[in-house]
Amino acid sequence: MDWAPRSAQAISRKMRAAVGLMWGRYGLPIPRELPLYMVCGKAITVKHVLPSDVAAFDAEVDRLHALVIQAMQDLYDTHKAEFGWSDRPLEII
């Protein structure tokens, strides 16, 4: 809590719990209105694989992970200009 007052740090340590300071509109704890951008893609079919079959289970997880990442990239590339992000690449870490 480098940004918090020293008193908040002392109280936080004494209580052994984090003390958070919240503020929003008009300095009150009312959330600020922010735009929410959302798009939905097509469903991904998942095959049932028993976790006891470790090799098949791991292969299915890897396949699904690759499908989700590719679907996210495709959705971003398709819709990024609509939201004014045509100059921003998607970074999936």
Foldseek 3Di string as FASTA:
>chain_A
DVVDDVVQVVVCVVVVHHDDDAADPPRHNDHHDDDDDDDDDDDDDQDDDDVVVVVVVVVSVVVVVVVVVVRVQVVCCVCVVVVPNNVPHDDDD
